[in-house]
Amino acid sequence: MWDVECPYAPPAILFEAAGLVDDPTVLMVKDEETGRWYRAPHVLEDFCHEKLQKDLSIGAEKAAEVEHLLATLYLLSAEELAAKIRGYGITAPGTKNALSDPHPCTLMVQDSIVPSGYLLE
């Protein structure tokens, strides 16, 4: 088996399909104690799935509300996500620390890849 170390640049169509070409930002929340960042919609989505699967006391009305939230999750603004996270008392995964309000962050980083030994002038 060979171990190959090299940069990998996925094809542009991958970034287009992910929606990162037109708007390369996602809403992120930060664990206030550790500083670790999480995608805000993913945190809320995980909470909703866990609520529906593990909360045996959830009523039909509350279950319908959570299912509607799952269906519209990725359409929420930063303010709406913040309100939902605070309203449900959602904390950071694993640590249970408080989360910051959602902030737009870019997942795209600029990179310049050149062949080894190539001189830039």
PDB file of N, CA and C in Angstrom:
ATOM      1  N   MET A   1       0.846  -1.176   0.000  1.00  0.00           N
ATOM      2  CA  MET A   1       0.000   0.000   0.000  1.00  0.00           C
ATOM      3  C   MET A   1       0.891   1.239   0.000  1.00  0.00           C
ATOM      4  N   TRP A   2       0.500   2.222  -0.782  1.00  0.00           N
ATOM      5  CA  TRP A   2       1.258   3.458  -0.895  1.00  0.00           C
ATOM      6  C   TRP A   2       0.539   4.572  -0.151  1.00  0.00           C
ATOM      7  N   ASP A   3       1.299   5.382   0.521  1.00  0.00           N
ATOM      8  CA  ASP A   3       0.758   6.549   1.195  1.00  0.00           C
ATOM      9  C   ASP A   3       1.125   7.765   0.352  1.00  0.00           C
ATOM     10  N   VAL A   4       0.107   8.447  -0.149  1.00  0.00           N
ATOM     11  CA  VAL A   4       0.342   9.594  -1.015  1.00  0.00           C
ATOM     12  C   VAL A   4      -0.104  10.853  -0.283  1.00  0.00           C
ATOM     13  N   GLU A   5       0.785  11.825  -0.221  1.00  0.00           N
ATOM     14  CA  GLU A   5       0.455  13.111   0.389  1.00  0.00           C
ATOM     15  C   GLU A   5       0.462  14.176  -0.691  1.00  0.00           C
ATOM     16  N   CYS A   6      -0.685  14.795  -0.878  1.00  0.00           N
ATOM     17  CA  CYS A   6      -0.764  15.860  -1.872  1.00  0.00           C
ATOM     18  C   CYS A   6      -2.047  16.652  -1.627  1.00  0.00           C
ATOM     19  N   PRO A   7      -2.071  17.865  -2.097  1.00  0.00           N
ATOM     20  CA  PRO A   7      -3.314  18.632  -1.988  1.00  0.00           C
ATOM     21  C   PRO A   7      -4.351  18.055  -2.949  1.00  0.00           C
ATOM     22  N   TYR A   8      -5.585  18.167  -2.577  1.00  0.00           N
ATOM     23  CA  TYR A   8      -6.667  17.676  -3.423  1.00  0.00           C
ATOM     24  C   TYR A   8      -7.640  18.814  -3.656  1.00  0.00           C
ATOM     25  N   ALA A   9      -7.894  19.134  -4.899  1.00  0.00           N
ATOM     26  CA  ALA A   9      -8.860  20.165  -5.252  1.00  0.00           C
ATOM     27  C   ALA A   9     -10.021  19.493  -5.969  1.00  0.00           C
ATOM     28  N   PRO A  10     -11.169  19.381  -5.299  1.00  0.00           N
ATOM     29  CA  PRO A  10     -12.325  18.740  -5.935  1.00  0.00           C
ATOM     30  C   PRO A  10     -12.775  19.519  -7.163  1.00  0.00           C
ATOM     31  N   PRO A  11     -13.487  18.869  -8.061  1.00  0.00           N
ATOM     32  CA  PRO A  11     -13.969  19.569  -9.247  1.00  0.00           C
ATOM     33  C   PRO A  11     -14.975  20.663  -8.876  1.00  0.00           C
ATOM     34  N   ALA A  12     -15.020  21.692  -9.683  1.00  0.00           N
ATOM     35  CA  ALA A  12     -15.888  22.844  -9.420  1.00  0.00           C
ATOM     36  C   ALA A  12     -17.352  22.450  -9.277  1.00  0.00           C
ATOM     37  N   ILE A  13     -17.790  21.425 -10.000  1.00  0.00           N
ATOM     38  CA  ILE A  13     -19.194  21.023  -9.952  1.00  0.00           C
ATOM     39  C   ILE A  13     -19.615  20.609  -8.534  1.00  0.00           C
ATOM     40  N   LEU A  14     -18.676  20.099  -7.755  1.00  0.00           N
ATOM     41  CA  LEU A  14     -18.965  19.728  -6.373  1.00  0.00           C
ATOM     42  C   LEU A  14     -19.340  20.953  -5.546  1.00  0.00           C
ATOM     43  N   PHE A  15     -18.595  22.038  -5.712  1.00  0.00           N
ATOM     44  CA  PHE A  15     -18.881  23.265  -4.980  1.00  0.00           C
ATOM     45  C   PHE A  15     -20.183  23.905  -5.463  1.00  0.00           C
ATOM     46  N   GLU A  16     -20.450  23.803  -6.757  1.00  0.00           N
ATOM     47  CA  GLU A  16     -21.706  24.331  -7.301  1.00  0.00           C
ATOM     48  C   GLU A  16     -22.894  23.554  -6.749  1.00  0.00           C
ATOM     49  N   ALA A  17     -22.796  22.238  -6.697  1.00  0.00           N
ATOM     50  CA  ALA A  17     -23.883  21.405  -6.195  1.00  0.00           C
ATOM     51  C   ALA A  17     -24.141  21.660  -4.716  1.00  0.00           C
ATOM     52  N   ALA A  18     -23.106  21.986  -3.963  1.00  0.00           N
ATOM     53  CA  ALA A  18     -23.251  22.252  -2.539  1.00  0.00           C
ATOM     54  C   ALA A  18     -23.754  23.664  -2.266  1.00  0.00           C
ATOM     55  N   GLY A  19     -23.901  24.480  -3.318  1.00  0.00           N
ATOM     56  CA  GLY A  19     -24.373  25.847  -3.143  1.00  0.00           C
ATOM     57  C   GLY A  19     -23.319  26.797  -2.635  1.00  0.00           C
ATOM     58  N   LEU A  20     -22.063  26.396  -2.698  1.00  0.00           N
ATOM     59  CA  LEU A  20     -20.994  27.211  -2.152  1.00  0.00           C
ATOM     60  C   LEU A  20     -20.430  28.229  -3.131  1.00  0.00           C
ATOM     61  N   VAL A  21     -20.854  28.183  -4.373  1.00  0.00           N
ATOM     62  CA  VAL A  21     -20.352  29.138  -5.361  1.00  0.00           C
ATOM     63  C   VAL A  21     -21.131  30.447  -5.250  1.00  0.00           C
ATOM     64  N   ASP A  22     -22.467  30.352  -5.207  1.00  0.00           N
ATOM     65  CA  ASP A  22     -23.294  31.551  -5.124  1.00  0.00           C
ATOM     66  C   ASP A  22     -23.242  32.178  -3.732  1.00  0.00           C
ATOM     67  N   ASP A  23     -23.264  31.358  -2.684  1.00  0.00           N
ATOM     68  CA  ASP A  23     -23.227  31.861  -1.310  1.00  0.00           C
ATOM     69  C   ASP A  23     -22.385  30.914  -0.463  1.00  0.00           C
ATOM     70  N   PRO A  24     -21.104  31.221  -0.283  1.00  0.00           N
ATOM     71  CA  PRO A  24     -20.226  30.296   0.424  1.00  0.00           C
ATOM     72  C   PRO A  24     -20.294  30.407   1.949  1.00  0.00           C
ATOM     73  N   THR A  25     -21.336  31.019   2.487  1.00  0.00           N
ATOM     74  CA  THR A  25     -21.431  31.169   3.937  1.00  0.00           C
ATOM     75  C   THR A  25     -22.449  30.214   4.532  1.00  0.00           C
ATOM     76  N   VAL A  26     -22.183  29.811   5.745  1.00  0.00           N
ATOM     77  CA  VAL A  26     -23.114  29.012   6.531  1.00  0.00           C
ATOM     78  C   VAL A  26     -23.218  29.681   7.900  1.00  0.00           C
ATOM     79  N   LEU A  27     -24.314  29.404   8.594  1.00  0.00           N
ATOM     80  CA  LEU A  27     -24.495  29.964   9.926  1.00  0.00           C
ATOM     81  C   LEU A  27     -23.883  29.014  10.949  1.00  0.00           C
ATOM     82  N   MET A  28     -23.005  29.553  11.776  1.00  0.00           N
ATOM     83  CA  MET A  28     -22.282  28.761  12.764  1.00  0.00           C
ATOM     84  C   MET A  28     -22.557  29.307  14.162  1.00  0.00           C
ATOM     85  N   VAL A  29     -22.556  28.397  15.151  1.00  0.00           N
ATOM     86  CA  VAL A  29     -22.644  28.782  16.557  1.00  0.00           C
ATOM     87  C   VAL A  29     -21.394  28.278  17.256  1.00  0.00           C
ATOM     88  N   LYS A  30     -21.000  28.973  18.321  1.00  0.00           N
ATOM     89  CA  LYS A  30     -19.767  28.637  19.028  1.00  0.00           C
ATOM     90  C   LYS A  30     -20.074  28.219  20.456  1.00  0.00           C
ATOM     91  N   ASP A  31     -19.434  27.148  20.897  1.00  0.00           N
ATOM     92  CA  ASP A  31     -19.474  26.743  22.301  1.00  0.00           C
ATOM     93  C   ASP A  31     -18.783  27.854  23.084  1.00  0.00           C
ATOM     94  N   GLU A  32     -19.512  28.496  24.000  1.00  0.00           N
ATOM     95  CA  GLU A  32     -18.977  29.663  24.709  1.00  0.00           C
ATOM     96  C   GLU A  32     -17.791  29.330  25.613  1.00  0.00           C
ATOM     97  N   GLU A  33     -17.673  28.084  26.048  1.00  0.00           N
ATOM     98  CA  GLU A  33     -16.578  27.707  26.940  1.00  0.00           C
ATOM     99  C   GLU A  33     -15.348  27.203  26.181  1.00  0.00           C
ATOM    100  N   THR A  34     -15.563  26.313  25.222  1.00  0.00           N
ATOM    101  CA  THR A  34     -14.424  25.684  24.530  1.00  0.00           C
ATOM    102  C   THR A  34     -14.015  26.420  23.264  1.00  0.00           C
ATOM    103  N   GLY A  35     -14.929  27.213  22.696  1.00  0.00           N
ATOM    104  CA  GLY A  35     -14.631  27.921  21.450  1.00  0.00           C
ATOM    105  C   GLY A  35     -14.839  27.078  20.202  1.00  0.00           C
ATOM    106  N   ARG A  36     -15.319  25.866  20.361  1.00  0.00           N
ATOM    107  CA  ARG A  36     -15.549  24.993  19.201  1.00  0.00           C
ATOM    108  C   ARG A  36     -16.781  25.481  18.427  1.00  0.00           C
ATOM    109  N   TRP A  37     -16.686  25.434  17.096  1.00  0.00           N
ATOM    110  CA  TRP A  37     -17.764  25.902  16.226  1.00  0.00           C
ATOM    111  C   TRP A  37     -18.575  24.730  15.692  1.00  0.00           C
ATOM    112  N   TYR A  38     -19.877  24.959  15.535  1.00  0.00           N
ATOM    113  CA  TYR A  38     -20.800  23.974  14.980  1.00  0.00           C
ATOM    114  C   TYR A  38     -21.708  24.674  13.969  1.00  0.00           C
ATOM    115  N   ARG A  39     -22.151  23.942  12.969  1.00  0.00           N
ATOM    116  CA  ARG A  39     -23.140  24.486  12.042  1.00  0.00           C
ATOM    117  C   ARG A  39     -24.471  24.595  12.784  1.00  0.00           C
ATOM    118  N   ALA A  40     -25.027  25.786  12.807  1.00  0.00           N
ATOM    119  CA  ALA A  40     -26.254  26.030  13.568  1.00  0.00           C
ATOM    120  C   ALA A  40     -27.417  25.143  13.121  1.00  0.00           C
ATOM    121  N   PRO A  41     -27.668  25.000  11.807  1.00  0.00           N
ATOM    122  CA  PRO A  41     -28.775  24.130  11.410  1.00  0.00           C
ATOM    123  C   PRO A  41     -28.572  22.680  11.832  1.00  0.00           C
ATOM    124  N   HIS A  42     -27.313  22.207  11.835  1.00  0.00           N
ATOM    125  CA  HIS A  42     -27.047  20.825  12.221  1.00  0.00           C
ATOM    126  C   HIS A  42     -27.329  20.602  13.705  1.00  0.00           C
ATOM    127  N   VAL A  43     -26.981  21.582  14.535  1.00  0.00           N
ATOM    128  CA  VAL A  43     -27.237  21.476  15.971  1.00  0.00           C
ATOM    129  C   VAL A  43     -28.738  21.393  16.223  1.00  0.00           C
ATOM    130  N   LEU A  44     -29.483  22.248  15.554  1.00  0.00           N
ATOM    131  CA  LEU A  44     -30.932  22.255  15.711  1.00  0.00           C
ATOM    132  C   LEU A  44     -31.556  20.987  15.129  1.00  0.00           C
ATOM    133  N   GLU A  45     -31.041  20.527  14.006  1.00  0.00           N
ATOM    134  CA  GLU A  45     -31.545  19.301  13.380  1.00  0.00           C
ATOM    135  C   GLU A  45     -31.325  18.090  14.288  1.00  0.00           C
ATOM    136  N   ASP A  46     -30.133  17.988  14.872  1.00  0.00           N
ATOM    137  CA  ASP A  46     -29.846  16.882  15.793  1.00  0.00           C
ATOM    138  C   ASP A  46     -30.783  16.917  16.997  1.00  0.00           C
ATOM    139  N   PHE A  47     -31.034  18.109  17.518  1.00  0.00           N
ATOM    140  CA  PHE A  47     -31.953  18.252  18.646  1.00  0.00           C
ATOM    141  C   PHE A  47     -33.351  17.755  18.270  1.00  0.00           C
ATOM    142  N   CYS A  48     -33.823  18.144  17.095  1.00  0.00           N
ATOM    143  CA  CYS A  48     -35.168  17.752  16.653  1.00  0.00           C
ATOM    144  C   CYS A  48     -35.278  16.239  16.490  1.00  0.00           C
ATOM    145  N   HIS A  49     -34.292  15.619  15.877  1.00  0.00           N
ATOM    146  CA  HIS A  49     -34.312  14.164  15.696  1.00  0.00           C
ATOM    147  C   HIS A  49     -34.316  13.445  17.051  1.00  0.00           C
ATOM    148  N   GLU A  50     -33.474  13.933  17.950  1.00  0.00           N
ATOM    149  CA  GLU A  50     -33.417  13.308  19.269  1.00  0.00           C
ATOM    150  C   GLU A  50     -34.740  13.490  20.015  1.00  0.00           C
ATOM    151  N   LYS A  51     -35.323  14.657  19.899  1.00  0.00           N
ATOM    152  CA  LYS A  51     -36.607  14.933  20.558  1.00  0.00           C
ATOM    153  C   LYS A  51     -37.688  13.983  20.047  1.00  0.00           C
ATOM    154  N   LEU A  52     -37.745  13.803  18.740  1.00  0.00           N
ATOM    155  CA  LEU A  52     -38.775  12.939  18.158  1.00  0.00           C
ATOM    156  C   LEU A  52     -38.541  11.463  18.462  1.00  0.00           C
ATOM    157  N   GLN A  53     -37.286  11.049  18.543  1.00  0.00           N
ATOM    158  CA  GLN A  53     -36.986   9.633  18.733  1.00  0.00           C
ATOM    159  C   GLN A  53     -36.934   9.201  20.194  1.00  0.00           C
ATOM    160  N   LYS A  54     -36.485  10.083  21.083  1.00  0.00           N
ATOM    161  CA  LYS A  54     -36.233   9.655  22.458  1.00  0.00           C
ATOM    162  C   LYS A  54     -37.202  10.222  23.496  1.00  0.00           C
ATOM    163  N   ASP A  55     -37.895  11.300  23.190  1.00  0.00           N
ATOM    164  CA  ASP A  55     -38.804  11.903  24.165  1.00  0.00           C
ATOM    165  C   ASP A  55     -40.163  11.217  24.075  1.00  0.00           C
ATOM    166  N   LEU A  56     -40.407  10.309  24.988  1.00  0.00           N
ATOM    167  CA  LEU A  56     -41.656   9.549  24.976  1.00  0.00           C
ATOM    168  C   LEU A  56     -42.845  10.374  25.453  1.00  0.00           C
ATOM    169  N   SER A  57     -42.581  11.477  26.129  1.00  0.00           N
ATOM    170  CA  SER A  57     -43.669  12.301  26.651  1.00  0.00           C
ATOM    171  C   SER A  57     -44.113  13.394  25.678  1.00  0.00           C
ATOM    172  N   ILE A  58     -43.504  13.446  24.501  1.00  0.00           N
ATOM    173  CA  ILE A  58     -43.845  14.496  23.541  1.00  0.00           C
ATOM    174  C   ILE A  58     -45.262  14.260  23.007  1.00  0.00           C
ATOM    175  N   GLY A  59     -46.050  15.299  23.036  1.00  0.00           N
ATOM    176  CA  GLY A  59     -47.420  15.197  22.547  1.00  0.00           C
ATOM    177  C   GLY A  59     -47.488  15.336  21.041  1.00  0.00           C
ATOM    178  N   ALA A  60     -48.654  15.078  20.489  1.00  0.00           N
ATOM    179  CA  ALA A  60     -48.838  15.140  19.037  1.00  0.00           C
ATOM    180  C   ALA A  60     -48.628  16.554  18.512  1.00  0.00           C
ATOM    181  N   GLU A  61     -49.083  17.547  19.259  1.00  0.00           N
ATOM    182  CA  GLU A  61     -48.943  18.940  18.817  1.00  0.00           C
ATOM    183  C   GLU A  61     -47.473  19.363  18.809  1.00  0.00           C
ATOM    184  N   LYS A  62     -46.741  19.007  19.867  1.00  0.00           N
ATOM    185  CA  LYS A  62     -45.323  19.349  19.954  1.00  0.00           C
ATOM    186  C   LYS A  62     -44.524  18.585  18.895  1.00  0.00           C
ATOM    187  N   ALA A  63     -44.890  17.326  18.650  1.00  0.00           N
ATOM    188  CA  ALA A  63     -44.214  16.536  17.622  1.00  0.00           C
ATOM    189  C   ALA A  63     -44.422  17.159  16.249  1.00  0.00           C
ATOM    190  N   ALA A  64     -45.615  17.637  15.964  1.00  0.00           N
ATOM    191  CA  ALA A  64     -45.903  18.290  14.687  1.00  0.00           C
ATOM    192  C   ALA A  64     -45.089  19.575  14.544  1.00  0.00           C
ATOM    193  N   GLU A  65     -44.941  20.302  15.653  1.00  0.00           N
ATOM    194  CA  GLU A  65     -44.142  21.538  15.640  1.00  0.00           C
ATOM    195  C   GLU A  65     -42.683  21.226  15.324  1.00  0.00           C
ATOM    196  N   VAL A  66     -42.144  20.182  15.946  1.00  0.00           N
ATOM    197  CA  VAL A  66     -40.747  19.792  15.723  1.00  0.00           C
ATOM    198  C   VAL A  66     -40.557  19.279  14.297  1.00  0.00           C
ATOM    199  N   GLU A  67     -41.503  18.524  13.776  1.00  0.00           N
ATOM    200  CA  GLU A  67     -41.408  18.033  12.397  1.00  0.00           C
ATOM    201  C   GLU A  67     -41.470  19.181  11.397  1.00  0.00           C
ATOM    202  N   HIS A  68     -42.305  20.190  11.677  1.00  0.00           N
ATOM    203  CA  HIS A  68     -42.364  21.369  10.807  1.00  0.00           C
ATOM    204  C   HIS A  68     -41.020  22.114  10.845  1.00  0.00           C
ATOM    205  N   LEU A  69     -40.439  22.203  12.031  1.00  0.00           N
ATOM    206  CA  LEU A  69     -39.135  22.854  12.158  1.00  0.00           C
ATOM    207  C   LEU A  69     -38.084  22.115  11.332  1.00  0.00           C
ATOM    208  N   LEU A  70     -38.105  20.793  11.370  1.00  0.00           N
ATOM    209  CA  LEU A  70     -37.167  20.002  10.560  1.00  0.00           C
ATOM    210  C   LEU A  70     -37.345  20.277   9.072  1.00  0.00           C
ATOM    211  N   ALA A  71     -38.579  20.427   8.641  1.00  0.00           N
ATOM    212  CA  ALA A  71     -38.866  20.639   7.219  1.00  0.00           C
ATOM    213  C   ALA A  71     -38.431  22.018   6.738  1.00  0.00           C
ATOM    214  N   THR A  72     -38.402  22.991   7.637  1.00  0.00           N
ATOM    215  CA  THR A  72     -38.094  24.374   7.243  1.00  0.00           C
ATOM    216  C   THR A  72     -36.771  24.878   7.797  1.00  0.00           C
ATOM    217  N   LEU A  73     -36.017  24.010   8.402  1.00  0.00           N
ATOM    218  CA  LEU A  73     -34.799  24.357   9.116  1.00  0.00           C
ATOM    219  C   LEU A  73     -33.805  25.179   8.304  1.00  0.00           C
ATOM    220  N   TYR A  74     -33.564  24.779   7.080  1.00  0.00           N
ATOM    221  CA  TYR A  74     -32.532  25.435   6.278  1.00  0.00           C
ATOM    222  C   TYR A  74     -33.025  26.715   5.608  1.00  0.00           C
ATOM    223  N   LEU A  75     -34.275  27.095   5.880  1.00  0.00           N
ATOM    224  CA  LEU A  75     -34.815  28.345   5.362  1.00  0.00           C
ATOM    225  C   LEU A  75     -34.792  29.453   6.408  1.00  0.00           C
ATOM    226  N   LEU A  76     -34.417  29.121   7.641  1.00  0.00           N
ATOM    227  CA  LEU A  76     -34.446  30.086   8.738  1.00  0.00           C
ATOM    228  C   LEU A  76     -33.294  31.075   8.650  1.00  0.00           C
ATOM    229  N   SER A  77     -33.575  32.308   9.041  1.00  0.00           N
ATOM    230  CA  SER A  77     -32.535  33.338   9.104  1.00  0.00           C
ATOM    231  C   SER A  77     -31.707  33.137  10.370  1.00  0.00           C
ATOM    232  N   ALA A  78     -30.647  33.904  10.509  1.00  0.00           N
ATOM    233  CA  ALA A  78     -29.798  33.816  11.703  1.00  0.00           C
ATOM    234  C   ALA A  78     -30.597  34.156  12.954  1.00  0.00           C
ATOM    235  N   GLU A  79     -31.448  35.161  12.863  1.00  0.00           N
ATOM    236  CA  GLU A  79     -32.258  35.565  14.006  1.00  0.00           C
ATOM    237  C   GLU A  79     -33.262  34.478  14.394  1.00  0.00           C
ATOM    238  N   GLU A  80     -33.863  33.854  13.388  1.00  0.00           N
ATOM    239  CA  GLU A  80     -34.830  32.784  13.659  1.00  0.00           C
ATOM    240  C   GLU A  80     -34.139  31.560  14.255  1.00  0.00           C
ATOM    241  N   LEU A  81     -32.962  31.221  13.743  1.00  0.00           N
ATOM    242  CA  LEU A  81     -32.204  30.107  14.314  1.00  0.00           C
ATOM    243  C   LEU A  81     -31.829  30.391  15.760  1.00  0.00           C
ATOM    244  N   ALA A  82     -31.381  31.619  16.037  1.00  0.00           N
ATOM    245  CA  ALA A  82     -31.013  31.994  17.402  1.00  0.00           C
ATOM    246  C   ALA A  82     -32.215  31.869  18.332  1.00  0.00           C
ATOM    247  N   ALA A  83     -33.376  32.316  17.872  1.00  0.00           N
ATOM    248  CA  ALA A  83     -34.586  32.234  18.692  1.00  0.00           C
ATOM    249  C   ALA A  83     -34.961  30.783  18.979  1.00  0.00           C
ATOM    250  N   LYS A  84     -34.842  29.916  17.994  1.00  0.00           N
ATOM    251  CA  LYS A  84     -35.169  28.495  18.185  1.00  0.00           C
ATOM    252  C   LYS A  84     -34.173  27.837  19.141  1.00  0.00           C
ATOM    253  N   ILE A  85     -32.894  28.122  18.971  1.00  0.00           N
ATOM    254  CA  ILE A  85     -31.871  27.532  19.837  1.00  0.00           C
ATOM    255  C   ILE A  85     -32.074  27.975  21.283  1.00  0.00           C
ATOM    256  N   ARG A  86     -32.348  29.258  21.497  1.00  0.00           N
ATOM    257  CA  ARG A  86     -32.617  29.752  22.849  1.00  0.00           C
ATOM    258  C   ARG A  86     -33.939  29.214  23.377  1.00  0.00           C
ATOM    259  N   GLY A  87     -34.960  29.205  22.516  1.00  0.00           N
ATOM    260  CA  GLY A  87     -36.289  28.762  22.934  1.00  0.00           C
ATOM    261  C   GLY A  87     -36.333  27.314  23.390  1.00  0.00           C
ATOM    262  N   TYR A  88     -35.580  26.465  22.728  1.00  0.00           N
ATOM    263  CA  TYR A  88     -35.540  25.050  23.099  1.00  0.00           C
ATOM    264  C   TYR A  88     -34.454  24.752  24.132  1.00  0.00           C
ATOM    265  N   GLY A  89     -33.646  25.754  24.479  1.00  0.00           N
ATOM    266  CA  GLY A  89     -32.587  25.553  25.461  1.00  0.00           C
ATOM    267  C   GLY A  89     -31.499  24.622  24.972  1.00  0.00           C
ATOM    268  N   ILE A  90     -31.173  24.708  23.688  1.00  0.00           N
ATOM    269  CA  ILE A  90     -30.176  23.819  23.096  1.00  0.00           C
ATOM    270  C   ILE A  90     -28.777  24.256  23.521  1.00  0.00           C
ATOM    271  N   THR A  91     -27.968  23.280  23.895  1.00  0.00           N
ATOM    272  CA  THR A  91     -26.598  23.535  24.323  1.00  0.00           C
ATOM    273  C   THR A  91     -25.626  22.840  23.374  1.00  0.00           C
ATOM    274  N   ALA A  92     -24.347  23.096  23.593  1.00  0.00           N
ATOM    275  CA  ALA A  92     -23.308  22.520  22.733  1.00  0.00           C
ATOM    276  C   ALA A  92     -23.284  21.004  22.867  1.00  0.00           C
ATOM    277  N   PRO A  93     -23.141  20.301  21.738  1.00  0.00           N
ATOM    278  CA  PRO A  93     -23.053  18.843  21.789  1.00  0.00           C
ATOM    279  C   PRO A  93     -21.854  18.386  22.628  1.00  0.00           C
ATOM    280  N   GLY A  94     -22.075  17.413  23.457  1.00  0.00           N
ATOM    281  CA  GLY A  94     -20.996  16.859  24.264  1.00  0.00           C
ATOM    282  C   GLY A  94     -20.711  17.607  25.550  1.00  0.00           C
ATOM    283  N   THR A  95     -20.564  18.917  25.477  1.00  0.00           N
ATOM    284  CA  THR A  95     -20.180  19.689  26.662  1.00  0.00           C
ATOM    285  C   THR A  95     -21.373  20.272  27.416  1.00  0.00           C
ATOM    286  N   LYS A  96     -22.462  20.468  26.722  1.00  0.00           N
ATOM    287  CA  LYS A  96     -23.675  21.081  27.293  1.00  0.00           C
ATOM    288  C   LYS A  96     -23.446  22.532  27.709  1.00  0.00           C
ATOM    289  N   ASN A  97     -22.426  23.168  27.129  1.00  0.00           N
ATOM    290  CA  ASN A  97     -22.172  24.585  27.378  1.00  0.00           C
ATOM    291  C   ASN A  97     -23.118  25.440  26.553  1.00  0.00           C
ATOM    292  N   ALA A  98     -23.229  26.702  26.931  1.00  0.00           N
ATOM    293  CA  ALA A  98     -24.064  27.648  26.188  1.00  0.00           C
ATOM    294  C   ALA A  98     -23.489  27.874  24.797  1.00  0.00           C
ATOM    295  N   LEU A  99     -24.385  28.155  23.844  1.00  0.00           N
ATOM    296  CA  LEU A  99     -23.986  28.443  22.467  1.00  0.00           C
ATOM    297  C   LEU A  99     -24.159  29.919  22.164  1.00  0.00           C
ATOM    298  N   SER A 100     -23.307  30.439  21.302  1.00  0.00           N
ATOM    299  CA  SER A 100     -23.433  31.826  20.852  1.00  0.00           C
ATOM    300  C   SER A 100     -24.597  31.943  19.879  1.00  0.00           C
ATOM    301  N   ASP A 101     -24.939  33.163  19.531  1.00  0.00           N
ATOM    302  CA  ASP A 101     -25.893  33.378  18.451  1.00  0.00           C
ATOM    303  C   ASP A 101     -25.230  32.976  17.139  1.00  0.00           C
ATOM    304  N   PRO A 102     -26.010  32.569  16.138  1.00  0.00           N
ATOM    305  CA  PRO A 102     -25.430  32.177  14.850  1.00  0.00           C
ATOM    306  C   PRO A 102     -24.714  33.336  14.155  1.00  0.00           C
ATOM    307  N   HIS A 103     -23.572  33.017  13.568  1.00  0.00           N
ATOM    308  CA  HIS A 103     -22.780  33.979  12.801  1.00  0.00           C
ATOM    309  C   HIS A 103     -22.526  33.404  11.417  1.00  0.00           C
ATOM    310  N   PRO A 104     -22.601  34.228  10.370  1.00  0.00           N
ATOM    311  CA  PRO A 104     -22.258  33.722   9.040  1.00  0.00           C
ATOM    312  C   PRO A 104     -20.746  33.509   8.926  1.00  0.00           C
ATOM    313  N   CYS A 105     -20.364  32.348   8.465  1.00  0.00           N
ATOM    314  CA  CYS A 105     -18.955  32.005   8.269  1.00  0.00           C
ATOM    315  C   CYS A 105     -18.796  31.396   6.890  1.00  0.00           C
ATOM    316  N   THR A 106     -17.660  31.604   6.296  1.00  0.00           N
ATOM    317  CA  THR A 106     -17.403  31.023   4.992  1.00  0.00           C
ATOM    318  C   THR A 106     -16.649  29.709   5.153  1.00  0.00           C
ATOM    319  N   LEU A 107     -17.028  28.745   4.351  1.00  0.00           N
ATOM    320  CA  LEU A 107     -16.338  27.456   4.373  1.00  0.00           C
ATOM    321  C   LEU A 107     -15.268  27.386   3.293  1.00  0.00           C
ATOM    322  N   MET A 108     -15.253  28.374   2.437  1.00  0.00           N
ATOM    323  CA  MET A 108     -14.300  28.374   1.336  1.00  0.00           C
ATOM    324  C   MET A 108     -13.032  29.114   1.773  1.00  0.00           C
ATOM    325  N   VAL A 109     -11.891  28.535   1.447  1.00  0.00           N
ATOM    326  CA  VAL A 109     -10.625  29.183   1.723  1.00  0.00           C
ATOM    327  C   VAL A 109      -9.862  29.310   0.418  1.00  0.00           C
ATOM    328  N   GLN A 110      -9.150  30.387   0.280  1.00  0.00           N
ATOM    329  CA  GLN A 110      -8.381  30.589  -0.934  1.00  0.00           C
ATOM    330  C   GLN A 110      -7.106  29.774  -0.852  1.00  0.00           C
ATOM    331  N   ASP A 111      -6.772  29.136  -1.933  1.00  0.00           N
ATOM    332  CA  ASP A 111      -5.582  28.308  -1.975  1.00  0.00           C
ATOM    333  C   ASP A 111      -4.874  28.525  -3.298  1.00  0.00           C
ATOM    334  N   SER A 112      -3.592  28.448  -3.251  1.00  0.00           N
ATOM    335  CA  SER A 112      -2.795  28.548  -4.460  1.00  0.00           C
ATOM    336  C   SER A 112      -1.939  27.298  -4.546  1.00  0.00           C
ATOM    337  N   ILE A 113      -2.242  26.452  -5.511  1.00  0.00           N
ATOM    338  CA  ILE A 113      -1.519  25.197  -5.647  1.00  0.00           C
ATOM    339  C   ILE A 113      -0.608  25.289  -6.859  1.00  0.00           C
ATOM    340  N   VAL A 114       0.654  25.036  -6.625  1.00  0.00           N
ATOM    341  CA  VAL A 114       1.623  25.034  -7.726  1.00  0.00           C
ATOM    342  C   VAL A 114       2.460  23.765  -7.625  1.00  0.00           C
ATOM    343  N   PRO A 115       3.001  23.301  -8.735  1.00  0.00           N
ATOM    344  CA  PRO A 115       3.850  22.107  -8.700  1.00  0.00           C
ATOM    345  C   PRO A 115       5.084  22.334  -7.817  1.00  0.00           C
ATOM    346  N   SER A 116       5.558  21.286  -7.200  1.00  0.00           N
ATOM    347  CA  SER A 116       6.744  21.351  -6.362  1.00  0.00           C
ATOM    348  C   SER A 116       7.932  21.834  -7.191  1.00  0.00           C
ATOM    349  N   GLY A 117       8.691  22.752  -6.631  1.00  0.00           N
ATOM    350  CA  GLY A 117       9.880  23.259  -7.320  1.00  0.00           C
ATOM    351  C   GLY A 117       9.589  24.381  -8.292  1.00  0.00           C
ATOM    352  N   TYR A 118       8.318  24.729  -8.466  1.00  0.00           N
ATOM    353  CA  TYR A 118       7.957  25.797  -9.403  1.00  0.00           C
ATOM    354  C   TYR A 118       8.250  27.145  -8.757  1.00  0.00           C
ATOM    355  N   LEU A 119       8.933  28.002  -9.461  1.00  0.00           N
ATOM    356  CA  LEU A 119       9.267  29.315  -8.935  1.00  0.00           C
ATOM    357  C   LEU A 119       8.202  30.333  -9.308  1.00  0.00           C
ATOM    358  N   LEU A 120       7.673  31.004  -8.309  1.00  0.00           N
ATOM    359  CA  LEU A 120       6.706  32.071  -8.577  1.00  0.00           C
ATOM    360  C   LEU A 120       7.469  33.367  -8.772  1.00  0.00           C
ATOM    361  N   GLU A 121       7.172  34.051  -9.860  1.00  0.00           N
ATOM    362  CA  GLU A 121       7.860  35.319 -10.116  1.00  0.00           C
ATOM    363  C   GLU A 121       6.887  36.445 -10.169  1.00  0.00           C
TER     364      GLU A 121
END
